[in-house]
PDB file of all heavy atoms in Angstrom:
ATOM      1  N   VAL A   1     -11.956 -28.056  -4.001  1.00  0.00           N
ATOM      2  CA  VAL A   1     -12.008 -29.476  -3.626  1.00  0.00           C
ATOM      3  C   VAL A   1     -11.731 -29.649  -2.134  1.00  0.00           C
ATOM      4  O   VAL A   1     -12.414 -30.414  -1.452  1.00  0.00           O
ATOM      5  CB  VAL A   1     -11.030 -30.298  -4.486  1.00  0.00           C
ATOM      6  CG1 VAL A   1     -10.884 -31.717  -3.949  1.00  0.00           C
ATOM      7  CG2 VAL A   1     -11.504 -30.311  -5.934  1.00  0.00           C
ATOM      8  N   TYR A   2     -10.756 -28.932  -1.610  1.00  0.00           N
ATOM      9  CA  TYR A   2     -10.434 -28.996  -0.184  1.00  0.00           C
ATOM     10  C   TYR A   2     -11.658 -28.650   0.662  1.00  0.00           C
ATOM     11  O   TYR A   2     -12.031 -29.393   1.574  1.00  0.00           O
ATOM     12  CB  TYR A   2      -9.274 -28.051   0.118  1.00  0.00           C
ATOM     13  CG  TYR A   2      -9.088 -27.746   1.580  1.00  0.00           C
ATOM     14  CD1 TYR A   2      -8.611 -28.713   2.449  1.00  0.00           C
ATOM     15  CD2 TYR A   2      -9.390 -26.488   2.095  1.00  0.00           C
ATOM     16  CE1 TYR A   2      -8.438 -28.434   3.798  1.00  0.00           C
ATOM     17  CE2 TYR A   2      -9.220 -26.203   3.430  1.00  0.00           C
ATOM     18  CZ  TYR A   2      -8.744 -27.180   4.278  1.00  0.00           C
ATOM     19  OH  TYR A   2      -8.589 -26.903   5.605  1.00  0.00           O
ATOM     20  N   GLU A   3     -12.311 -27.547   0.351  1.00  0.00           N
ATOM     21  CA  GLU A   3     -13.478 -27.124   1.126  1.00  0.00           C
ATOM     22  C   GLU A   3     -14.632 -28.111   0.996  1.00  0.00           C
ATOM     23  O   GLU A   3     -15.314 -28.403   1.976  1.00  0.00           O
ATOM     24  CB  GLU A   3     -13.895 -25.722   0.712  1.00  0.00           C
ATOM     25  CG  GLU A   3     -12.899 -24.669   1.166  1.00  0.00           C
ATOM     26  CD  GLU A   3     -13.182 -23.276   0.642  1.00  0.00           C
ATOM     27  OE1 GLU A   3     -14.075 -23.107  -0.223  1.00  0.00           O
ATOM     28  OE2 GLU A   3     -12.490 -22.335   1.098  1.00  0.00           O
ATOM     29  N   GLU A   4     -14.846 -28.643  -0.197  1.00  0.00           N
ATOM     30  CA  GLU A   4     -15.919 -29.628  -0.397  1.00  0.00           C
ATOM     31  C   GLU A   4     -15.647 -30.904   0.391  1.00  0.00           C
ATOM     32  O   GLU A   4     -16.551 -31.466   1.008  1.00  0.00           O
ATOM     33  CB  GLU A   4     -16.073 -29.963  -1.881  1.00  0.00           C
ATOM     34  CG  GLU A   4     -16.698 -28.855  -2.695  1.00  0.00           C
ATOM     35  CD  GLU A   4     -16.717 -29.158  -4.185  1.00  0.00           C
ATOM     36  OE1 GLU A   4     -16.210 -30.222  -4.604  1.00  0.00           O
ATOM     37  OE2 GLU A   4     -17.247 -28.326  -4.939  1.00  0.00           O
ATOM     38  N   GLN A   5     -14.405 -31.376   0.368  1.00  0.00           N
ATOM     39  CA  GLN A   5     -14.075 -32.606   1.080  1.00  0.00           C
ATOM     40  C   GLN A   5     -14.112 -32.417   2.589  1.00  0.00           C
ATOM     41  O   GLN A   5     -14.544 -33.307   3.312  1.00  0.00           O
ATOM     42  CB  GLN A   5     -12.707 -33.142   0.631  1.00  0.00           C
ATOM     43  CG  GLN A   5     -12.660 -33.555  -0.819  1.00  0.00           C
ATOM     44  CD  GLN A   5     -13.727 -34.558  -1.187  1.00  0.00           C
ATOM     45  OE1 GLN A   5     -13.932 -35.557  -0.513  1.00  0.00           O
ATOM     46  NE2 GLN A   5     -14.429 -34.281  -2.266  1.00  0.00           N
ATOM     47  N   CYS A   6     -13.691 -31.268   3.071  1.00  0.00           N
ATOM     48  CA  CYS A   6     -13.730 -31.001   4.518  1.00  0.00           C
ATOM     49  C   CYS A   6     -15.156 -30.892   5.033  1.00  0.00           C
ATOM     50  O   CYS A   6     -15.424 -31.172   6.198  1.00  0.00           O
ATOM     51  CB  CYS A   6     -12.949 -29.734   4.846  1.00  0.00           C
ATOM     52  SG  CYS A   6     -11.171 -29.981   4.766  1.00  0.00           S
ATOM     53  N   ALA A   7     -16.081 -30.484   4.175  1.00  0.00           N
ATOM     54  CA  ALA A   7     -17.481 -30.369   4.571  1.00  0.00           C
ATOM     55  C   ALA A   7     -18.150 -31.742   4.695  1.00  0.00           C
ATOM     56  O   ALA A   7     -19.186 -31.873   5.335  1.00  0.00           O
ATOM     57  CB  ALA A   7     -18.243 -29.504   3.566  1.00  0.00           C
ATOM     58  N   LYS A   8     -17.538 -32.748   4.114  1.00  0.00           N
ATOM     59  CA  LYS A   8     -18.084 -34.108   4.160  1.00  0.00           C
ATOM     60  C   LYS A   8     -17.514 -34.859   5.357  1.00  0.00           C
ATOM     61  O   LYS A   8     -16.475 -34.508   5.901  1.00  0.00           O
ATOM     62  CB  LYS A   8     -17.711 -34.878   2.891  1.00  0.00           C
ATOM     63  CG  LYS A   8     -18.288 -34.316   1.630  1.00  0.00           C
ATOM     64  CD  LYS A   8     -17.818 -35.144   0.455  1.00  0.00           C
ATOM     65  CE  LYS A   8     -18.349 -34.586  -0.843  1.00  0.00           C
ATOM     66  NZ  LYS A   8     -17.870 -35.372  -1.996  1.00  0.00           N
ATOM     67  N   SER A   9     -18.188 -35.919   5.715  1.00  0.00           N
ATOM     68  CA  SER A   9     -17.655 -36.825   6.728  1.00  0.00           C
ATOM     69  C   SER A   9     -16.776 -37.824   5.979  1.00  0.00           C
ATOM     70  O   SER A   9     -17.259 -38.793   5.407  1.00  0.00           O
ATOM     71  CB  SER A   9     -18.801 -37.549   7.440  1.00  0.00           C
ATOM     72  OG  SER A   9     -18.284 -38.497   8.334  1.00  0.00           O
ATOM     73  N   LEU A  10     -15.482 -37.548   5.950  1.00  0.00           N
ATOM     74  CA  LEU A  10     -14.573 -38.359   5.152  1.00  0.00           C
ATOM     75  C   LEU A  10     -14.346 -39.726   5.772  1.00  0.00           C
ATOM     76  O   LEU A  10     -14.011 -39.844   6.939  1.00  0.00           O
ATOM     77  CB  LEU A  10     -13.224 -37.651   5.001  1.00  0.00           C
ATOM     78  CG  LEU A  10     -13.232 -36.343   4.238  1.00  0.00           C
ATOM     79  CD1 LEU A  10     -11.839 -35.718   4.265  1.00  0.00           C
ATOM     80  CD2 LEU A  10     -13.672 -36.561   2.809  1.00  0.00           C
ATOM     81  N   THR A  11     -14.529 -40.753   4.959  1.00  0.00           N
ATOM     82  CA  THR A  11     -14.221 -42.109   5.399  1.00  0.00           C
ATOM     83  C   THR A  11     -13.007 -42.654   4.657  1.00  0.00           C
ATOM     84  O   THR A  11     -12.390 -43.586   5.106  1.00  0.00           O
ATOM     85  CB  THR A  11     -15.421 -43.047   5.165  1.00  0.00           C
ATOM     86  OG1 THR A  11     -15.761 -43.019   3.775  1.00  0.00           O
ATOM     87  CG2 THR A  11     -16.618 -42.619   6.003  1.00  0.00           C
ATOM     88  N   GLU A  12     -12.678 -42.052   3.527  1.00  0.00           N
ATOM     89  CA  GLU A  12     -11.526 -42.473   2.743  1.00  0.00           C
ATOM     90  C   GLU A  12     -10.354 -41.522   2.993  1.00  0.00           C
ATOM     91  O   GLU A  12     -10.552 -40.332   3.159  1.00  0.00           O
ATOM     92  CB  GLU A  12     -11.865 -42.472   1.247  1.00  0.00           C
ATOM     93  CG  GLU A  12     -12.939 -43.464   0.868  1.00  0.00           C
ATOM     94  CD  GLU A  12     -12.520 -44.908   1.092  1.00  0.00           C
ATOM     95  OE1 GLU A  12     -11.342 -45.239   0.868  1.00  0.00           O
ATOM     96  OE2 GLU A  12     -13.367 -45.700   1.515  1.00  0.00           O
ATOM     97  N   PRO A  13      -9.125 -42.044   2.975  1.00  0.00           N
ATOM     98  CA  PRO A  13      -7.964 -41.187   3.201  1.00  0.00           C
ATOM     99  C   PRO A  13      -7.543 -40.390   1.960  1.00  0.00           C
ATOM    100  O   PRO A  13      -6.773 -39.447   2.059  1.00  0.00           O
ATOM    101  CB  PRO A  13      -6.871 -42.161   3.620  1.00  0.00           C
ATOM    102  CG  PRO A  13      -7.272 -43.458   3.018  1.00  0.00           C
ATOM    103  CD  PRO A  13      -8.776 -43.453   2.983  1.00  0.00           C
ATOM    104  N   PHE A  14      -8.050 -40.781   0.794  1.00  0.00           N
ATOM    105  CA  PHE A  14      -7.701 -40.087  -0.444  1.00  0.00           C
ATOM    106  C   PHE A  14      -8.774 -40.349  -1.487  1.00  0.00           C
ATOM    107  O   PHE A  14      -9.619 -41.226  -1.317  1.00  0.00           O
ATOM    108  CB  PHE A  14      -6.326 -40.528  -0.973  1.00  0.00           C
ATOM    109  CG  PHE A  14      -6.228 -42.013  -1.199  1.00  0.00           C
ATOM    110  CD1 PHE A  14      -6.610 -42.579  -2.402  1.00  0.00           C
ATOM    111  CD2 PHE A  14      -5.763 -42.843  -0.202  1.00  0.00           C
ATOM    112  CE1 PHE A  14      -6.528 -43.953  -2.609  1.00  0.00           C
ATOM    113  CE2 PHE A  14      -5.670 -44.217  -0.391  1.00  0.00           C
ATOM    114  CZ  PHE A  14      -6.049 -44.772  -1.599  1.00  0.00           C
ATOM    115  N   GLY A  15      -8.746 -39.567  -2.570  1.00  0.00           N
ATOM    116  CA  GLY A  15      -9.723 -39.766  -3.615  1.00  0.00           C
ATOM    117  C   GLY A  15      -9.466 -38.858  -4.805  1.00  0.00           C
ATOM    118  O   GLY A  15      -8.534 -38.060  -4.813  1.00  0.00           O
ATOM    119  N   VAL A  16     -10.314 -39.014  -5.814  1.00  0.00           N
ATOM    120  CA  VAL A  16     -10.242 -38.211  -7.028  1.00  0.00           C
ATOM    121  C   VAL A  16     -11.609 -37.593  -7.254  1.00  0.00           C
ATOM    122  O   VAL A  16     -12.630 -38.272  -7.151  1.00  0.00           O
ATOM    123  CB  VAL A  16      -9.847 -39.064  -8.247  1.00  0.00           C
ATOM    124  CG1 VAL A  16      -9.817 -38.230  -9.517  1.00  0.00           C
ATOM    125  CG2 VAL A  16      -8.509 -39.746  -8.019  1.00  0.00           C
ATOM    126  N   VAL A  17     -11.627 -36.298  -7.543  1.00  0.00           N
ATOM    127  CA  VAL A  17     -12.875 -35.583  -7.815  1.00  0.00           C
ATOM    128  C   VAL A  17     -12.844 -35.127  -9.272  1.00  0.00           C
ATOM    129  O   VAL A  17     -11.884 -34.485  -9.706  1.00  0.00           O
ATOM    130  CB  VAL A  17     -13.019 -34.350  -6.889  1.00  0.00           C
ATOM    131  CG1 VAL A  17     -14.268 -33.568  -7.224  1.00  0.00           C
ATOM    132  CG2 VAL A  17     -13.020 -34.777  -5.437  1.00  0.00           C
ATOM    133  N   ALA A  18     -13.879 -35.494 -10.041  1.00  0.00           N
ATOM    134  CA  ALA A  18     -14.005 -35.024 -11.423  1.00  0.00           C
ATOM    135  C   ALA A  18     -14.865 -33.761 -11.397  1.00  0.00           C
ATOM    136  O   ALA A  18     -16.005 -33.789 -10.947  1.00  0.00           O
ATOM    137  CB  ALA A  18     -14.648 -36.095 -12.281  1.00  0.00           C
ATOM    138  N   LEU A  19     -14.307 -32.656 -11.861  1.00  0.00           N
ATOM    139  CA  LEU A  19     -15.010 -31.375 -11.855  1.00  0.00           C
ATOM    140  C   LEU A  19     -15.731 -31.132 -13.176  1.00  0.00           C
ATOM    141  O   LEU A  19     -15.412 -31.757 -14.192  1.00  0.00           O
ATOM    142  CB  LEU A  19     -14.019 -30.242 -11.591  1.00  0.00           C
ATOM    143  CG  LEU A  19     -13.247 -30.326 -10.277  1.00  0.00           C
ATOM    144  CD1 LEU A  19     -12.225 -29.207 -10.202  1.00  0.00           C
ATOM    145  CD2 LEU A  19     -14.190 -30.276  -9.092  1.00  0.00           C
ATOM    146  N   ASP A  20     -16.671 -30.212 -13.165  1.00  0.00           N
ATOM    147  CA  ASP A  20     -17.413 -29.846 -14.375  1.00  0.00           C
ATOM    148  C   ASP A  20     -16.489 -29.307 -15.464  1.00  0.00           C
ATOM    149  O   ASP A  20     -16.827 -29.356 -16.641  1.00  0.00           O
ATOM    150  CB  ASP A  20     -18.474 -28.786 -14.061  1.00  0.00           C
ATOM    151  CG  ASP A  20     -19.555 -29.324 -13.137  1.00  0.00           C
ATOM    152  OD1 ASP A  20     -19.737 -30.554 -13.080  1.00  0.00           O
ATOM    153  OD2 ASP A  20     -20.210 -28.506 -12.471  1.00  0.00           O
ATOM    154  N   THR A  21     -15.339 -28.798 -15.090  1.00  0.00           N
ATOM    155  CA  THR A  21     -14.379 -28.229 -16.039  1.00  0.00           C
ATOM    156  C   THR A  21     -13.638 -29.305 -16.821  1.00  0.00           C
ATOM    157  O   THR A  21     -12.895 -28.996 -17.741  1.00  0.00           O
ATOM    158  CB  THR A  21     -13.339 -27.377 -15.300  1.00  0.00           C
ATOM    159  OG1 THR A  21     -12.648 -28.223 -14.368  1.00  0.00           O
ATOM    160  CG2 THR A  21     -13.966 -26.209 -14.582  1.00  0.00           C
ATOM    161  N   GLY A  22     -13.812 -30.567 -16.419  1.00  0.00           N
ATOM    162  CA  GLY A  22     -13.084 -31.665 -17.044  1.00  0.00           C
ATOM    163  C   GLY A  22     -11.820 -32.035 -16.289  1.00  0.00           C
ATOM    164  O   GLY A  22     -11.170 -33.021 -16.607  1.00  0.00           O
ATOM    165  N   ASP A  23     -11.492 -31.257 -15.278  1.00  0.00           N
ATOM    166  CA  ASP A  23     -10.303 -31.536 -14.467  1.00  0.00           C
ATOM    167  C   ASP A  23     -10.579 -32.673 -13.501  1.00  0.00           C
ATOM    168  O   ASP A  23     -11.689 -32.810 -12.982  1.00  0.00           O
ATOM    169  CB  ASP A  23      -9.922 -30.301 -13.639  1.00  0.00           C
ATOM    170  CG  ASP A  23      -9.404 -29.176 -14.488  1.00  0.00           C
ATOM    171  OD1 ASP A  23      -8.278 -29.291 -14.973  1.00  0.00           O
ATOM    172  OD2 ASP A  23     -10.141 -28.195 -14.666  1.00  0.00           O
ATOM    173  N   GLU A  24      -9.565 -33.486 -13.272  1.00  0.00           N
ATOM    174  CA  GLU A  24      -9.610 -34.473 -12.205  1.00  0.00           C
ATOM    175  C   GLU A  24      -8.627 -34.008 -11.142  1.00  0.00           C
ATOM    176  O   GLU A  24      -7.454 -33.786 -11.434  1.00  0.00           O
ATOM    177  CB  GLU A  24      -9.240 -35.859 -12.720  1.00  0.00           C
ATOM    178  CG  GLU A  24     -10.321 -36.477 -13.559  1.00  0.00           C
ATOM    179  CD  GLU A  24     -10.041 -37.932 -13.883  1.00  0.00           C
ATOM    180  OE1 GLU A  24      -8.886 -38.386 -13.767  1.00  0.00           O
ATOM    181  OE2 GLU A  24     -10.999 -38.606 -14.255  1.00  0.00           O
ATOM    182  N   VAL A  25      -9.120 -33.848  -9.934  1.00  0.00           N
ATOM    183  CA  VAL A  25      -8.310 -33.339  -8.833  1.00  0.00           C
ATOM    184  C   VAL A  25      -8.131 -34.456  -7.812  1.00  0.00           C
ATOM    185  O   VAL A  25      -9.099 -35.071  -7.378  1.00  0.00           O
ATOM    186  CB  VAL A  25      -8.992 -32.108  -8.189  1.00  0.00           C
ATOM    187  CG1 VAL A  25      -8.192 -31.620  -7.007  1.00  0.00           C
ATOM    188  CG2 VAL A  25      -9.171 -31.007  -9.227  1.00  0.00           C
ATOM    189  N   ILE A  26      -6.888 -34.712  -7.446  1.00  0.00           N
ATOM    190  CA  ILE A  26      -6.558 -35.762  -6.484  1.00  0.00           C
ATOM    191  C   ILE A  26      -6.370 -35.119  -5.114  1.00  0.00           C
ATOM    192  O   ILE A  26      -5.718 -34.090  -4.991  1.00  0.00           O
ATOM    193  CB  ILE A  26      -5.261 -36.478  -6.896  1.00  0.00           C
ATOM    194  CG1 ILE A  26      -5.428 -37.091  -8.290  1.00  0.00           C
ATOM    195  CG2 ILE A  26      -4.870 -37.535  -5.872  1.00  0.00           C
ATOM    196  CD1 ILE A  26      -4.132 -37.553  -8.908  1.00  0.00           C
ATOM    197  N   TRP A  27      -6.949 -35.731  -4.085  1.00  0.00           N
ATOM    198  CA  TRP A  27      -6.781 -35.206  -2.728  1.00  0.00           C
ATOM    199  C   TRP A  27      -6.309 -36.319  -1.803  1.00  0.00           C
ATOM    200  O   TRP A  27      -6.547 -37.495  -2.047  1.00  0.00           O
ATOM    201  CB  TRP A  27      -8.067 -34.568  -2.207  1.00  0.00           C
ATOM    202  CG  TRP A  27      -9.235 -35.500  -2.117  1.00  0.00           C
ATOM    203  CD1 TRP A  27     -10.178 -35.714  -3.075  1.00  0.00           C
ATOM    204  CD2 TRP A  27      -9.574 -36.353  -1.030  1.00  0.00           C
ATOM    205  NE1 TRP A  27     -11.089 -36.644  -2.650  1.00  0.00           N
ATOM    206  CE2 TRP A  27     -10.746 -37.055  -1.395  1.00  0.00           C
ATOM    207  CE3 TRP A  27      -9.017 -36.601   0.210  1.00  0.00           C
ATOM    208  CZ2 TRP A  27     -11.353 -37.986  -0.561  1.00  0.00           C
ATOM    209  CZ3 TRP A  27      -9.629 -37.527   1.051  1.00  0.00           C
ATOM    210  CH2 TRP A  27     -10.786 -38.193   0.653  1.00  0.00           C
ATOM    211  N   LEU A  28      -5.619 -35.916  -0.740  1.00  0.00           N
ATOM    212  CA  LEU A  28      -5.062 -36.846   0.234  1.00  0.00           C
ATOM    213  C   LEU A  28      -5.146 -36.213   1.613  1.00  0.00           C
ATOM    214  O   LEU A  28      -4.670 -35.101   1.817  1.00  0.00           O
ATOM    215  CB  LEU A  28      -3.600 -37.122  -0.122  1.00  0.00           C
ATOM    216  CG  LEU A  28      -2.765 -37.937   0.826  1.00  0.00           C
ATOM    217  CD1 LEU A  28      -3.282 -39.370   0.882  1.00  0.00           C
ATOM    218  CD2 LEU A  28      -1.312 -37.922   0.384  1.00  0.00           C
ATOM    219  N   ASN A  29      -5.783 -36.904   2.546  1.00  0.00           N
ATOM    220  CA  ASN A  29      -5.908 -36.416   3.911  1.00  0.00           C
ATOM    221  C   ASN A  29      -4.861 -37.121   4.774  1.00  0.00           C
ATOM    222  O   ASN A  29      -5.013 -38.293   5.112  1.00  0.00           O
ATOM    223  CB  ASN A  29      -7.318 -36.689   4.450  1.00  0.00           C
ATOM    224  CG  ASN A  29      -7.514 -36.166   5.845  1.00  0.00           C
ATOM    225  OD1 ASN A  29      -6.615 -35.596   6.441  1.00  0.00           O
ATOM    226  ND2 ASN A  29      -8.705 -36.358   6.376  1.00  0.00           N
ATOM    227  N   LEU A  30      -3.797 -36.420   5.111  1.00  0.00           N
ATOM    228  CA  LEU A  30      -2.696 -37.025   5.859  1.00  0.00           C
ATOM    229  C   LEU A  30      -3.069 -37.390   7.290  1.00  0.00           C
ATOM    230  O   LEU A  30      -2.372 -38.182   7.921  1.00  0.00           O
ATOM    231  CB  LEU A  30      -1.491 -36.080   5.862  1.00  0.00           C
ATOM    232  CG  LEU A  30      -0.899 -35.789   4.479  1.00  0.00           C
ATOM    233  CD1 LEU A  30       0.197 -34.740   4.597  1.00  0.00           C
ATOM    234  CD2 LEU A  30      -0.386 -37.043   3.825  1.00  0.00           C
ATOM    235  N   GLU A  31      -4.145 -36.833   7.823  1.00  0.00           N
ATOM    236  CA  GLU A  31      -4.588 -37.160   9.180  1.00  0.00           C
ATOM    237  C   GLU A  31      -5.482 -38.392   9.229  1.00  0.00           C
ATOM    238  O   GLU A  31      -5.836 -38.839  10.306  1.00  0.00           O
ATOM    239  CB  GLU A  31      -5.343 -35.982   9.792  1.00  0.00           C
ATOM    240  CG  GLU A  31      -4.452 -34.892  10.295  1.00  0.00           C
ATOM    241  CD  GLU A  31      -5.226 -33.873  11.108  1.00  0.00           C
ATOM    242  OE1 GLU A  31      -6.414 -33.648  10.839  1.00  0.00           O
ATOM    243  OE2 GLU A  31      -4.614 -33.290  12.006  1.00  0.00           O
ATOM    244  N   SER A  32      -5.839 -38.917   8.113  1.00  0.00           N
ATOM    245  CA  SER A  32      -6.763 -40.050   8.087  1.00  0.00           C
ATOM    246  C   SER A  32      -6.142 -41.275   8.746  1.00  0.00           C
ATOM    247  O   SER A  32      -5.027 -41.673   8.398  1.00  0.00           O
ATOM    248  CB  SER A  32      -7.135 -40.390   6.646  1.00  0.00           C
ATOM    249  OG  SER A  32      -7.905 -41.560   6.624  1.00  0.00           O
ATOM    250  N   PRO A  33      -6.858 -41.895   9.699  1.00  0.00           N
ATOM    251  CA  PRO A  33      -6.310 -43.082  10.357  1.00  0.00           C
ATOM    252  C   PRO A  33      -6.140 -44.257   9.390  1.00  0.00           C
ATOM    253  O   PRO A  33      -5.319 -45.122   9.602  1.00  0.00           O
ATOM    254  CB  PRO A  33      -7.327 -43.423  11.443  1.00  0.00           C
ATOM    255  CG  PRO A  33      -8.458 -42.482  11.294  1.00  0.00           C
ATOM    256  CD  PRO A  33      -8.129 -41.487  10.246  1.00  0.00           C
ATOM    257  N   GLY A  34      -6.892 -44.271   8.314  1.00  0.00           N
ATOM    258  CA  GLY A  34      -6.798 -45.378   7.357  1.00  0.00           C
ATOM    259  C   GLY A  34      -5.691 -45.221   6.345  1.00  0.00           C
ATOM    260  O   GLY A  34      -5.414 -46.132   5.571  1.00  0.00           O
TER     261      GLY A  34
END
């Protein structure tokens, strides 16, 4: 999830990713100005 989110142009400071495994992974970018 970290690598996928870093590859994107992040506009949100946090989010939830639903994976094919059924897991929901929460991420938070502490450097986000928002």
